[in-house]
Amino acid sequence: MAFKDLFRTKPIGKILQQGGDGEHGSLHKVLTVRDLTFFGIAAIIGGGTFSAIGNACFSGGPAVILLYIMCAVACGFTAMCYAEFASRVPVSGSAYTYAYVSFGELFAWVIGWALIMEYSIGNIYIAFSWSGYFTNLLETFHIHLPEWLTINYTEAHRNFTEGKAGEGFNAWQNAPLLGSLRIIFDLPAVIINVLITYLVYRGTKESKNFSNAMVVIKLLIVLLVIAVGVFYIDIDNWTPFMPKGFGGVMAGVSAVFFAYIGFDAVSTLAEESKDPQRDLPKGMIYSLVICTVLYIILALVLTGMVPYEKLGVTDPLAEIFALKGVKWMLFIVSIAAVVAMTSVMLVFQLGQPRIWMTMSRDGLMPKKFSSIHPKFKTPGFATIVTGIVVGLPIFFTDETFVLDFTSIGTLFAFVLVCGGVLLLSPQSAEEVAEAKTKSKFRIPYINAKFIFPLIIIAAAVIVHLSVPDFFSSTFDFSGDVTANITMVIFFVLCVVMAVLAFLKNLSLVPLLGLVSCCYLLTGMALSNWMWFGAWLLLGLVFYFAYGRSHSKLNVNKSV
C-alpha cells in the first residue's frame, strides 16, 4: 500500500449514494428542526450544568464567564463549519465523515477514534454524575443504598488508601467479599446505562419523544434555579473577579468545554432528519445560542450566591442551596439533574453507534457494525456494543479521569472539522457563486487575506499591554513547561495561518474556528496529552491491523 493512499479522500457523491443504501438498510427520517434543537439542548445542558460547572467556577472564580464566552465563540465558528459539512454531506458520521471528504482516510480514522472518547467515555462521566444526584434523590424519600453500591471501585480504593473519611472509605470497609475481591460498583450508573441503551436500541422516534419531554422539564427547572438564586446573590462574592488570574480561568477549560460538546451529536442524526441540509445547521446553532446564554447567567448566579472556593464539588447546584438553607430547592435540583443527565446520556448513546455504523460502511470497522435492525431501523449491533463500552469502565474508572479525556478528544475533532471546511471553502467570487447553487447552507465567504493578520497583530498588542510579562513568561522554560510549549506551538500556528491567509485568500470563519479551538487546547494539562496520545496510538494499531486492508477504497482499488 502506497503512503499516499493513507490520505485518499472519499468523493462526496459516493458518500451520499452509500448513506442509507440497500446494502445497509435505511434509517427512519423522523426528526425536524425543533427535534434537532432539542437534541442539542439535551446534550449541552446536563453534566456541564449540574456537575462540571462547579469545578470551572472553583478554578476561575466569577471570571469563568469569560471562558464560557470563549468556548461559545469557538463552538459557534465550529458549529458553522459543522453546518456547512452537514449541508454538503447530509449523512451520519459527524466529524469522521467530514474528515474523510477533506483530509483523507487516516485522518478520518483518527477522528472516528477520538469521537469514541467524546461519546462513549463522556457518557461514563455523565453516568457517575447521574448516580450521585439520583442517590441524593432517593435519600429524600428515606431510601438508602449501601455505599458499596453507589461508588466506583477506583475511587473507593483511593479514599481508603488516603484515609479519607466518607462514602468511599465506608464502602471499602463494608463491601462484601468474593474471595479476596471486594464487591464495589456504582449500581445506579450501571442501571441507567442499560435502560438508555435499550431505549436507543428500540428506535429514534421513541428516543426523540422522551428527549423532548425531558428538555422542556429541565429548561423550566434551570430557569427556576436562576430565578430563585438571583435573590440570594451577594455582589461582594464577585470581588475579586479573577482571583487566580487568567491562568486560573484557563485551568477550567476541560470542565467548561465539556459542557459544549453536545452540539456535535446533532450532526450524527443527519440520516434521520427530514431535511438535513436545512434543519441540521439551524438545530446546531439554535441550541448553542440558547445554552450559552443559560450557562453565563448560571455561572454568575453560582459565584454570586457563595464564594467561588465552595463550588469545587460534583453537585454545585445542590451545594449552593444547601449552604443557603433553601432545602425545598435541593429536592427540585436533584430531580432536574436526574432528568438533565438522562437526556445527555440519551443523545450521546444515539451518536456513537451512528459513527461506528458509518465507519463500518467504509470498511474501517467490521461489517456487523453497519447492520440495521429490520424492525426498529436503528444500528442495533453498534448500539449494544456502545452500551457495553460505556458500561464496563463504570466498574473500574472514575469521573475525574474521563472528564479531561473527553474534552481533549472533542477539541481535536473540532480542529479538524474547521480545517476541513477551510480546505474545501471557495477562495474566489466565482467559486462562491458556484457553491451557493449546490447546497442550502454556506458559511459567508470573508477573505481573510488582510483581516486575519491584523487580528493576530491586534491581539498580540492587547495581550502585551494588558499582561506585560505574558510573552516573557511564556518563553521561560525553567518550571512546568507543558503550558509554555503548547502556547509557543499556538504562536507558531497563528503566524503560519496568517501567512497562508495572505497567500491563499482563506475564508475567515473556519480559520477563526480552527485557531480558537487550538487556543483552548493550550489549557490542557500534560497528563491529558499523554493519555490522548496513548489512545491515538492504540487506534492507529487497530487501523493498520484491520482498517487499512478492509477499507472500501482499498478494496475498490484492487478490483
Protein backbone atom coordinates (compact mmCIF):
# COMPACT_ATOMS: atom_id res chain seq x y z
CA MET A 1 0.00 0.00 0.00
CA ALA A 2 1.44 3.34 -1.05
CA PHE A 3 1.97 6.05 1.57
CA LYS A 4 -0.24 8.46 -0.39
CA ASP A 5 -3.16 6.02 -0.06
CA LEU A 6 -3.34 6.82 3.65
CA PHE A 7 -4.61 10.27 2.67
CA ARG A 8 -7.02 9.24 -0.09
CA THR A 9 -10.30 11.13 0.18
CA LYS A 10 -13.77 9.78 -0.36
CA PRO A 11 -15.90 11.51 -3.04
CA ILE A 12 -18.97 13.27 -1.66
CA GLY A 13 -21.12 11.63 -4.33
CA LYS A 14 -20.08 8.18 -3.13
CA ILE A 15 -20.89 9.04 0.48
CA LEU A 16 -24.33 10.36 -0.46
CA GLN A 17 -25.01 7.22 -2.50
CA GLN A 18 -23.83 4.96 0.31
CA GLY A 19 -25.82 6.57 3.11
CA GLY A 20 -28.97 4.57 3.62
CA ASP A 21 -28.49 2.39 0.53
CA GLY A 22 -29.94 -1.05 0.03
CA GLU A 23 -26.76 -2.75 1.18
CA HIS A 24 -27.01 -1.42 4.71
CA GLY A 25 -30.68 -0.57 5.12
CA SER A 26 -32.20 2.83 5.78
CA LEU A 27 -32.96 4.79 8.93
CA HIS A 28 -36.31 6.39 9.76
CA LYS A 29 -36.43 10.07 8.77
CA VAL A 30 -38.47 11.50 11.64
CA LEU A 31 -36.52 14.50 13.01
CA THR A 32 -37.49 18.16 12.44
CA VAL A 33 -35.51 21.32 13.24
CA ARG A 34 -37.27 21.51 16.62
CA ASP A 35 -36.28 17.94 17.42
CA LEU A 36 -32.66 18.59 16.43
CA THR A 37 -32.55 21.78 18.51
CA PHE A 38 -33.96 19.88 21.48
CA PHE A 39 -31.42 17.08 21.00
CA GLY A 40 -28.66 19.72 21.03
CA ILE A 41 -30.02 21.31 24.21
CA ALA A 42 -30.44 17.85 25.71
CA ALA A 43 -26.74 17.13 25.19
CA ILE A 44 -25.38 20.57 26.12
CA ILE A 45 -27.38 21.17 29.30
CA GLY A 46 -26.55 18.22 31.51
CA GLY A 47 -23.29 17.23 33.14
CA GLY A 48 -21.81 20.62 32.30
CA THR A 49 -24.65 22.38 34.11
CA PHE A 50 -25.13 20.20 37.16
CA SER A 51 -21.58 18.98 37.79
CA ALA A 52 -18.67 20.33 35.72
CA ILE A 53 -19.69 23.97 36.21
CA GLY A 54 -18.68 23.68 39.88
CA ASN A 55 -15.06 22.81 39.07
CA ALA A 56 -14.98 25.56 36.43
CA CYS A 57 -16.15 28.21 38.92
CA PHE A 58 -13.70 26.92 41.54
CA SER A 59 -10.81 27.30 39.07
CA GLY A 60 -11.66 30.68 37.60
CA GLY A 61 -13.98 32.41 40.06
CA PRO A 62 -16.61 34.79 38.61
CA ALA A 63 -14.32 35.35 35.60
CA VAL A 64 -15.20 31.85 34.41
CA ILE A 65 -17.92 33.54 32.35
CA LEU A 66 -15.10 34.76 30.08
CA LEU A 67 -14.16 31.13 29.44
CA TYR A 68 -17.77 30.25 28.69
CA ILE A 69 -17.88 33.08 26.19
CA MET A 70 -14.57 31.99 24.59
CA CYS A 71 -15.76 28.40 24.33
CA ALA A 72 -19.08 29.56 22.91
CA VAL A 73 -17.32 31.67 20.27
CA ALA A 74 -15.05 28.76 19.35
CA CYS A 75 -18.03 26.42 19.22
CA GLY A 76 -20.01 28.99 17.23
CA PHE A 77 -17.38 29.09 14.49
CA THR A 78 -17.14 25.29 14.68
CA ALA A 79 -20.92 24.89 14.54
CA MET A 80 -20.99 26.87 11.29
CA CYS A 81 -18.32 24.54 9.90
CA TYR A 82 -20.32 21.51 11.01
CA ALA A 83 -23.40 23.06 9.44
CA GLU A 84 -21.68 23.56 6.09
CA PHE A 85 -20.39 20.00 6.11
CA ALA A 86 -23.83 18.72 7.10
CA SER A 87 -25.29 20.61 4.15
CA ARG A 88 -22.71 19.16 1.76
CA VAL A 89 -22.74 15.64 3.22
CA PRO A 90 -26.12 15.01 4.89
CA VAL A 91 -25.33 11.50 6.22
CA SER A 92 -24.41 10.09 9.63
CA GLY A 93 -20.83 10.13 10.80
CA SER A 94 -20.25 13.64 12.11
CA ALA A 95 -16.62 14.86 12.02
CA TYR A 96 -15.44 11.43 10.88
CA THR A 97 -17.29 11.71 7.57
CA TYR A 98 -16.22 15.32 7.10
CA ALA A 99 -12.54 14.43 7.65
CA TYR A 100 -12.84 11.60 5.08
CA VAL A 101 -14.02 14.12 2.50
CA SER A 102 -11.35 16.74 3.19
CA PHE A 103 -8.23 15.24 4.80
CA GLY A 104 -8.37 11.59 3.80
CA GLU A 105 -8.71 8.15 5.32
CA LEU A 106 -6.02 8.22 8.00
CA PHE A 107 -7.29 11.49 9.48
CA ALA A 108 -10.86 10.19 9.22
CA TRP A 109 -9.89 7.14 11.26
CA VAL A 110 -8.15 9.30 13.88
CA ILE A 111 -11.25 11.47 14.24
CA GLY A 112 -13.57 8.46 14.41
CA TRP A 113 -11.35 7.03 17.13
CA ALA A 114 -11.35 10.36 19.00
CA LEU A 115 -15.15 10.55 18.80
CA ILE A 116 -15.35 7.25 20.66
CA MET A 117 -13.83 9.19 23.56
CA GLU A 118 -16.32 12.01 23.15
CA TYR A 119 -19.46 9.91 23.23
CA SER A 120 -18.74 6.60 24.91
CA ILE A 121 -16.22 7.73 27.51
CA GLY A 122 -18.06 11.01 28.04
CA ASN A 123 -21.17 9.05 28.94
CA ILE A 124 -19.25 7.33 31.73
CA TYR A 125 -18.79 10.73 33.40
CA ILE A 126 -22.47 11.51 32.92
CA ALA A 127 -23.47 8.13 34.38
CA PHE A 128 -21.40 8.78 37.52
CA SER A 129 -22.87 12.28 37.96
CA TRP A 130 -26.38 10.95 37.33
CA SER A 131 -25.85 8.32 40.01
CA GLY A 132 -24.81 10.93 42.59
CA TYR A 133 -27.91 13.05 42.12
CA PHE A 134 -30.19 10.01 41.89
CA THR A 135 -28.81 8.66 45.16
CA ASN A 136 -29.48 12.04 46.80
CA LEU A 137 -33.00 11.95 45.42
CA LEU A 138 -33.57 8.51 46.94
CA GLU A 139 -32.33 9.81 50.29
CA THR A 140 -35.10 12.43 50.31
CA PHE A 141 -37.56 9.51 50.25
CA HIS A 142 -35.55 7.79 53.02
CA ILE A 143 -34.31 5.08 50.65
CA HIS A 144 -30.68 4.33 51.41
CA LEU A 145 -28.42 2.27 49.17
CA PRO A 146 -25.29 0.79 50.78
CA GLU A 147 -22.14 2.77 49.99
CA TRP A 148 -20.56 -0.13 48.10
CA LEU A 149 -23.39 0.16 45.54
CA THR A 150 -23.11 3.93 44.98
CA ILE A 151 -19.41 4.49 44.24
CA ASN A 152 -16.87 3.13 41.77
CA TYR A 153 -14.14 0.74 42.86
CA THR A 154 -11.25 3.06 41.94
CA GLU A 155 -12.49 5.98 43.99
CA ALA A 156 -13.33 3.79 46.99
CA HIS A 157 -9.85 2.25 46.95
CA ARG A 158 -8.19 5.67 46.66
CA ASN A 159 -10.21 7.11 49.55
CA PHE A 160 -9.36 4.13 51.75
CA THR A 161 -5.65 4.28 50.88
CA GLU A 162 -5.55 8.01 51.65
CA GLY A 163 -7.53 7.52 54.85
CA LYS A 164 -10.17 9.96 53.61
CA ALA A 165 -13.33 9.50 55.65
CA GLY A 166 -16.61 9.38 53.80
CA GLU A 167 -18.57 7.31 51.29
CA GLY A 168 -15.56 5.70 49.61
CA PHE A 169 -13.84 4.78 52.89
CA ASN A 170 -17.05 3.24 54.27
CA ALA A 171 -17.69 1.36 51.01
CA TRP A 172 -14.24 -0.25 51.15
CA GLN A 173 -14.66 -1.33 54.76
CA ASN A 174 -18.23 -2.63 54.49
CA ALA A 175 -18.22 -4.18 50.99
CA PRO A 176 -18.97 -7.91 50.76
CA LEU A 177 -16.12 -10.14 49.61
CA LEU A 178 -15.98 -12.57 46.71
CA GLY A 179 -12.88 -14.48 47.69
CA SER A 180 -10.37 -11.68 48.25
CA LEU A 181 -12.16 -9.23 45.89
CA ARG A 182 -14.36 -6.52 47.35
CA ILE A 183 -17.67 -6.09 45.52
CA ILE A 184 -17.88 -2.33 44.92
CA PHE A 185 -19.61 -0.75 41.95
CA ASP A 186 -21.96 2.11 41.12
CA LEU A 187 -25.29 0.32 40.69
CA PRO A 188 -27.41 3.35 39.61
CA ALA A 189 -24.81 4.22 36.94
CA VAL A 190 -24.93 0.67 35.58
CA ILE A 191 -28.73 0.58 35.56
CA ILE A 192 -29.19 3.91 33.75
CA ASN A 193 -26.71 2.82 31.08
CA VAL A 194 -28.69 -0.38 30.46
CA LEU A 195 -32.01 1.49 30.28
CA ILE A 196 -30.69 4.16 27.91
CA THR A 197 -29.10 1.53 25.66
CA TYR A 198 -32.43 -0.30 25.45
CA LEU A 199 -34.34 2.90 24.60
CA VAL A 200 -31.87 3.85 21.85
CA TYR A 201 -31.97 0.28 20.52
CA ARG A 202 -35.77 0.46 20.18
CA GLY A 203 -35.78 3.50 17.89
CA THR A 204 -35.08 7.16 17.18
CA LYS A 205 -38.74 8.18 17.32
CA GLU A 206 -39.14 6.80 20.83
CA SER A 207 -35.87 8.44 21.88
CA LYS A 208 -36.95 11.74 20.31
CA ASN A 209 -40.23 11.93 22.23
CA PHE A 210 -38.54 11.01 25.50
CA SER A 211 -35.74 13.53 24.96
CA ASN A 212 -38.06 16.40 24.00
CA ALA A 213 -40.14 15.89 27.15
CA MET A 214 -37.03 15.90 29.36
CA VAL A 215 -35.65 19.04 27.69
CA VAL A 216 -38.80 21.03 28.48
CA ILE A 217 -38.69 19.88 32.11
CA LYS A 218 -35.03 20.66 32.71
CA LEU A 219 -35.18 24.07 30.99
CA LEU A 220 -38.03 25.07 33.27
CA ILE A 221 -36.12 23.89 36.34
CA VAL A 222 -32.87 25.61 35.30
CA LEU A 223 -34.83 28.84 34.86
CA LEU A 224 -36.33 28.29 38.33
CA VAL A 225 -32.84 27.81 39.81
CA ILE A 226 -31.76 31.10 38.24
CA ALA A 227 -34.91 32.93 39.34
CA VAL A 228 -34.61 31.75 42.97
CA GLY A 229 -30.82 32.13 43.10
CA VAL A 230 -30.94 35.77 42.00
CA PHE A 231 -32.49 36.73 45.36
CA TYR A 232 -29.53 35.22 47.25
CA ILE A 233 -26.76 36.95 45.28
CA ASP A 234 -24.20 38.92 47.27
CA ILE A 235 -22.27 41.10 44.83
CA ASP A 236 -19.27 41.09 47.17
CA ASN A 237 -18.72 37.47 46.06
CA TRP A 238 -17.86 38.77 42.59
CA THR A 239 -14.79 40.54 44.02
CA PRO A 240 -12.10 39.76 43.10
CA PHE A 241 -13.49 38.98 39.68
CA MET A 242 -10.44 36.96 38.57
CA PRO A 243 -8.97 35.64 41.86
CA LYS A 244 -6.49 33.20 40.31
CA GLY A 245 -5.57 35.26 37.28
CA PHE A 246 -6.20 34.31 33.69
CA GLY A 247 -4.28 31.08 34.24
CA GLY A 248 -6.93 30.07 36.75
CA VAL A 249 -9.66 30.81 34.22
CA MET A 250 -7.96 28.67 31.57
CA ALA A 251 -7.46 25.85 34.11
CA GLY A 252 -11.20 25.22 33.89
CA VAL A 253 -11.18 24.68 30.13
CA SER A 254 -11.86 20.92 30.36
CA ALA A 255 -14.86 21.43 32.63
CA VAL A 256 -16.28 24.31 30.56
CA PHE A 257 -15.68 22.79 27.16
CA PHE A 258 -17.25 19.51 28.29
CA ALA A 259 -20.49 21.48 28.58
CA TYR A 260 -20.49 22.35 24.88
CA ILE A 261 -19.58 19.12 23.13
CA GLY A 262 -23.20 18.06 22.80
CA PHE A 263 -24.00 20.04 19.64
CA ASP A 264 -21.65 17.72 17.74
CA ALA A 265 -24.08 14.87 18.42
CA VAL A 266 -26.76 16.62 16.35
CA SER A 267 -24.70 16.11 13.19
CA THR A 268 -24.72 12.32 13.69
CA LEU A 269 -28.51 12.33 13.19
CA ALA A 270 -28.38 13.57 9.59
CA GLU A 271 -29.85 10.44 8.01
CA GLU A 272 -32.80 10.54 10.41
CA SER A 273 -33.59 14.21 9.64
CA LYS A 274 -36.46 15.06 7.33
CA ASP A 275 -34.48 17.88 5.68
CA PRO A 276 -30.88 17.69 6.96
CA GLN A 277 -29.49 20.38 4.64
CA ARG A 278 -31.89 22.94 6.07
CA ASP A 279 -32.56 21.68 9.61
CA LEU A 280 -29.13 20.50 10.83
CA PRO A 281 -27.46 23.93 10.64
CA LYS A 282 -30.41 25.56 12.40
CA GLY A 283 -30.60 22.88 15.09
CA MET A 284 -26.90 23.16 15.99
CA ILE A 285 -26.75 26.96 16.04
CA TYR A 286 -30.07 27.45 17.88
CA SER A 287 -29.10 25.00 20.64
CA LEU A 288 -25.66 26.59 21.03
CA VAL A 289 -27.02 30.14 21.41
CA ILE A 290 -29.73 29.14 23.90
CA CYS A 291 -27.35 27.13 26.08
CA THR A 292 -24.58 29.75 26.09
CA VAL A 293 -26.92 32.40 27.50
CA LEU A 294 -28.09 29.99 30.20
CA TYR A 295 -24.54 28.97 31.14
CA ILE A 296 -23.31 32.56 31.57
CA ILE A 297 -26.30 33.53 33.71
CA LEU A 298 -25.98 30.34 35.78
CA ALA A 299 -22.25 30.90 36.39
CA LEU A 300 -22.94 34.45 37.60
CA VAL A 301 -25.68 33.22 39.93
CA LEU A 302 -23.49 30.46 41.41
CA THR A 303 -20.48 32.70 42.03
CA GLY A 304 -22.77 35.43 43.36
CA MET A 305 -24.59 33.22 45.85
CA VAL A 306 -21.50 31.72 47.54
CA PRO A 307 -17.73 32.33 47.42
CA TYR A 308 -16.15 30.52 44.48
CA GLU A 309 -13.95 28.45 46.84
CA LYS A 310 -17.01 26.47 47.95
CA LEU A 311 -18.00 25.38 44.43
CA GLY A 312 -15.36 22.69 43.82
CA VAL A 313 -17.89 19.88 44.30
CA THR A 314 -19.63 17.42 41.98
CA ASP A 315 -23.11 18.76 42.78
CA PRO A 316 -22.69 22.59 42.85
CA LEU A 317 -26.35 23.47 42.30
CA ALA A 318 -27.36 21.39 45.28
CA GLU A 319 -24.44 22.75 47.31
CA ILE A 320 -25.36 26.43 46.89
CA PHE A 321 -28.92 25.90 48.12
CA ALA A 322 -27.71 23.68 50.96
CA LEU A 323 -25.34 26.45 52.10
CA LYS A 324 -28.16 28.99 51.89
CA GLY A 325 -30.58 26.69 53.77
CA VAL A 326 -33.11 26.55 50.91
CA LYS A 327 -34.00 22.91 51.48
CA TRP A 328 -37.00 22.77 49.16
CA MET A 329 -34.73 23.62 46.22
CA LEU A 330 -32.46 20.65 46.98
CA PHE A 331 -35.27 18.29 46.00
CA ILE A 332 -36.03 20.21 42.79
CA VAL A 333 -32.35 20.42 41.81
CA SER A 334 -31.93 16.66 42.30
CA ILE A 335 -34.90 15.99 40.00
CA ALA A 336 -33.57 18.45 37.43
CA ALA A 337 -30.13 16.86 37.47
CA VAL A 338 -31.51 13.35 37.01
CA VAL A 339 -33.70 14.50 34.11
CA ALA A 340 -30.96 16.60 32.51
CA MET A 341 -28.25 13.98 32.60
CA THR A 342 -30.61 11.25 31.44
CA SER A 343 -31.24 13.25 28.28
CA VAL A 344 -27.49 13.82 27.80
CA MET A 345 -26.81 10.09 28.01
CA LEU A 346 -29.60 9.50 25.53
CA VAL A 347 -28.15 11.84 22.90
CA PHE A 348 -24.57 10.58 23.35
CA GLN A 349 -25.79 6.99 23.17
CA LEU A 350 -27.57 7.87 19.93
CA GLY A 351 -24.46 9.45 18.43
CA GLN A 352 -21.79 6.80 18.99
CA PRO A 353 -23.47 3.84 17.17
CA ARG A 354 -24.04 6.02 14.11
CA ILE A 355 -20.36 6.89 13.90
CA TRP A 356 -19.42 3.21 14.14
CA MET A 357 -22.09 2.45 11.54
CA THR A 358 -20.55 4.93 9.11
CA MET A 359 -17.00 3.67 9.73
CA SER A 360 -18.26 0.14 9.11
CA ARG A 361 -19.80 1.18 5.80
CA ASP A 362 -16.34 2.34 4.77
CA GLY A 363 -14.79 -0.97 5.77
CA LEU A 364 -12.75 0.53 8.62
CA MET A 365 -14.81 -1.36 11.21
CA PRO A 366 -16.29 -4.89 10.94
CA LYS A 367 -19.38 -5.12 8.70
CA LYS A 368 -21.65 -6.09 11.60
CA PHE A 369 -21.46 -2.52 12.97
CA SER A 370 -23.39 -1.19 9.94
CA SER A 371 -26.28 -3.65 10.21
CA ILE A 372 -29.70 -2.01 10.66
CA HIS A 373 -32.34 -3.68 12.83
CA PRO A 374 -35.14 -4.80 10.47
CA LYS A 375 -37.93 -3.71 12.81
CA PHE A 376 -36.60 -0.75 14.78
CA LYS A 377 -34.49 0.72 11.92
CA THR A 378 -31.57 1.51 14.23
CA PRO A 379 -27.93 0.34 14.12
CA GLY A 380 -28.77 -2.40 16.61
CA PHE A 381 -25.44 -4.20 16.99
CA ALA A 382 -23.46 -0.96 17.24
CA THR A 383 -25.92 0.30 19.89
CA ILE A 384 -25.40 -2.80 22.03
CA VAL A 385 -21.61 -2.54 21.71
CA THR A 386 -21.83 1.13 22.74
CA GLY A 387 -23.74 0.13 25.85
CA ILE A 388 -21.00 -2.37 26.70
CA VAL A 389 -18.21 0.13 26.04
CA VAL A 390 -19.89 2.61 28.40
CA GLY A 391 -20.94 0.02 30.96
CA LEU A 392 -17.74 -1.93 31.59
CA PRO A 393 -15.45 1.02 32.53
CA ILE A 394 -18.07 2.14 35.08
CA PHE A 395 -16.77 -0.69 37.25
CA PHE A 396 -13.11 0.39 37.34
CA THR A 397 -12.63 4.08 36.41
CA ASP A 398 -13.68 7.43 37.93
CA GLU A 399 -15.19 10.67 36.69
CA THR A 400 -12.12 12.89 37.12
CA PHE A 401 -10.16 10.94 34.54
CA VAL A 402 -12.88 10.70 31.90
CA LEU A 403 -13.76 14.43 32.06
CA ASP A 404 -10.34 15.60 30.83
CA PHE A 405 -10.02 12.64 28.47
CA THR A 406 -13.28 13.50 26.71
CA SER A 407 -12.66 17.25 26.32
CA ILE A 408 -9.26 16.99 24.61
CA GLY A 409 -10.55 14.44 22.09
CA THR A 410 -13.51 16.63 21.20
CA LEU A 411 -11.38 19.74 20.73
CA PHE A 412 -9.09 17.78 18.45
CA ALA A 413 -12.09 16.71 16.35
CA PHE A 414 -13.32 20.32 16.16
CA VAL A 415 -9.92 21.50 14.92
CA LEU A 416 -10.04 19.05 12.02
CA VAL A 417 -13.64 19.93 11.14
CA CYS A 418 -12.71 23.62 10.88
CA GLY A 419 -9.57 22.70 8.93
CA GLY A 420 -11.59 20.53 6.59
CA VAL A 421 -14.01 23.33 5.76
CA LEU A 422 -11.02 25.61 5.29
CA LEU A 423 -9.63 23.23 2.67
CA LEU A 424 -12.94 22.94 0.84
CA SER A 425 -14.04 26.58 1.13
CA PRO A 426 -14.21 28.65 -2.06
CA GLN A 427 -11.43 31.19 -2.41
CA SER A 428 -12.78 33.44 -5.13
CA ALA A 429 -16.01 35.25 -6.00
CA GLU A 430 -16.67 32.82 -8.88
CA GLU A 431 -16.31 29.80 -6.59
CA VAL A 432 -18.63 31.39 -4.03
CA ALA A 433 -21.33 31.96 -6.64
CA GLU A 434 -21.00 28.40 -7.89
CA ALA A 435 -21.07 26.94 -4.37
CA LYS A 436 -24.29 28.73 -3.44
CA THR A 437 -26.16 26.78 -6.09
CA LYS A 438 -25.01 23.40 -4.72
CA SER A 439 -26.11 23.43 -1.08
CA LYS A 440 -28.62 25.12 1.19
CA PHE A 441 -26.19 26.39 3.80
CA ARG A 442 -22.83 28.03 3.15
CA ILE A 443 -20.56 29.90 5.51
CA PRO A 444 -20.36 33.51 4.27
CA TYR A 445 -17.04 33.89 2.49
CA ILE A 446 -14.96 36.68 4.04
CA ASN A 447 -11.49 36.99 2.61
CA ALA A 448 -9.00 36.67 5.50
CA LYS A 449 -6.07 37.95 3.42
CA PHE A 450 -5.64 41.14 5.43
CA ILE A 451 -8.19 40.72 8.23
CA PHE A 452 -6.66 37.68 9.94
CA PRO A 453 -3.06 39.01 10.09
CA LEU A 454 -4.43 42.27 11.52
CA ILE A 455 -6.42 40.31 14.13
CA ILE A 456 -3.26 38.43 15.20
CA ILE A 457 -1.25 41.67 15.45
CA ALA A 458 -4.02 43.46 17.38
CA ALA A 459 -4.42 40.50 19.77
CA ALA A 460 -0.66 40.42 20.46
CA VAL A 461 -0.60 44.16 21.19
CA ILE A 462 -3.63 43.96 23.52
CA VAL A 463 -2.17 40.99 25.42
CA HIS A 464 1.18 42.75 25.82
CA LEU A 465 -0.42 45.94 27.11
CA SER A 466 -2.77 44.06 29.46
CA VAL A 467 -0.25 41.49 30.74
CA PRO A 468 3.26 42.95 30.14
CA ASP A 469 5.12 39.81 31.24
CA PHE A 470 2.93 37.33 29.31
CA PHE A 471 5.29 36.71 26.41
CA SER A 472 8.44 36.66 28.55
CA SER A 473 6.89 34.14 30.96
CA THR A 474 5.65 32.02 28.07
CA PHE A 475 9.19 31.61 26.75
CA ASP A 476 10.53 30.82 30.23
CA PHE A 477 11.00 27.03 30.31
CA SER A 478 12.52 26.76 33.80
CA GLY A 479 9.37 25.43 35.52
CA ASP A 480 6.36 23.40 34.39
CA VAL A 481 6.75 23.76 30.64
CA THR A 482 3.62 21.99 29.39
CA ALA A 483 1.51 25.15 29.09
CA ASN A 484 4.50 27.09 27.74
CA ILE A 485 5.24 24.55 24.99
CA THR A 486 1.62 24.36 23.86
CA MET A 487 1.37 28.15 23.86
CA VAL A 488 4.56 28.52 21.78
CA ILE A 489 3.19 25.97 19.30
CA PHE A 490 -0.01 28.04 19.20
CA PHE A 491 2.03 31.19 18.42
CA VAL A 492 3.75 29.39 15.54
CA LEU A 493 0.37 28.16 14.24
CA CYS A 494 -1.03 31.70 14.27
CA VAL A 495 1.93 33.03 12.27
CA VAL A 496 1.73 30.18 9.76
CA MET A 497 -2.03 30.61 9.28
CA ALA A 498 -1.61 34.39 8.89
CA VAL A 499 0.88 33.80 6.09
CA LEU A 500 -1.39 31.22 4.43
CA ALA A 501 -4.40 33.54 4.77
CA PHE A 502 -2.46 36.25 2.94
CA LEU A 503 -1.18 33.93 0.20
CA LYS A 504 -4.25 31.71 -0.29
CA ASN A 505 -7.16 34.09 0.41
CA LEU A 506 -8.53 31.73 3.10
CA SER A 507 -12.08 32.00 4.41
CA LEU A 508 -12.18 33.90 7.72
CA VAL A 509 -14.86 31.99 9.69
CA PRO A 510 -13.39 28.46 9.52
CA LEU A 511 -9.95 29.99 10.08
CA LEU A 512 -11.14 31.65 13.30
CA GLY A 513 -12.78 28.38 14.35
CA LEU A 514 -9.54 26.45 13.87
CA VAL A 515 -7.42 28.99 15.75
CA SER A 516 -9.87 29.43 18.65
CA CYS A 517 -10.15 25.67 19.21
CA CYS A 518 -6.36 25.35 19.09
CA TYR A 519 -6.12 28.07 21.73
CA LEU A 520 -8.42 26.12 24.04
CA LEU A 521 -6.14 23.11 23.63
CA THR A 522 -3.33 25.12 25.26
CA GLY A 523 -5.24 24.85 28.56
CA MET A 524 -4.91 21.05 28.68
CA ALA A 525 -2.53 19.51 31.22
CA LEU A 526 0.39 17.21 30.39
CA SER A 527 -1.50 14.16 31.68
CA ASN A 528 -4.33 14.91 29.22
CA TRP A 529 -1.90 14.95 26.31
CA MET A 530 -0.22 11.72 27.45
CA TRP A 531 -3.47 9.77 27.75
CA PHE A 532 -4.74 11.22 24.48
CA GLY A 533 -1.51 10.20 22.74
CA ALA A 534 -1.79 6.67 24.14
CA TRP A 535 -5.40 6.43 22.93
CA LEU A 536 -4.48 7.60 19.43
CA LEU A 537 -1.58 5.13 19.31
CA LEU A 538 -3.96 2.29 20.18
CA GLY A 539 -6.30 3.47 17.42
CA LEU A 540 -3.51 3.54 14.84
CA VAL A 541 -2.59 -0.04 15.75
CA PHE A 542 -6.19 -1.10 15.06
CA TYR A 543 -6.26 0.86 11.79
CA PHE A 544 -3.09 -0.67 10.37
CA ALA A 545 -4.04 -4.13 11.63
CA TYR A 546 -7.61 -4.11 10.27
CA GLY A 547 -8.98 -0.89 8.78
CA ARG A 548 -6.29 -0.25 6.19
CA SER A 549 -6.69 -3.63 4.45
CA HIS A 550 -10.50 -3.74 4.72
CA SER A 551 -11.14 -0.16 3.58
CA LYS A 552 -13.69 0.05 0.78
CA LEU A 553 -11.40 2.44 -1.06
CA ASN A 554 -8.59 -0.11 -0.84
CA VAL A 555 -10.86 -2.96 -1.96
CA ASN A 556 -12.26 -0.97 -4.87
CA LYS A 557 -8.76 -0.06 -5.99
CA SER A 558 -7.66 -3.69 -6.05
CA VAL A 559 -10.66 -4.90 -8.03
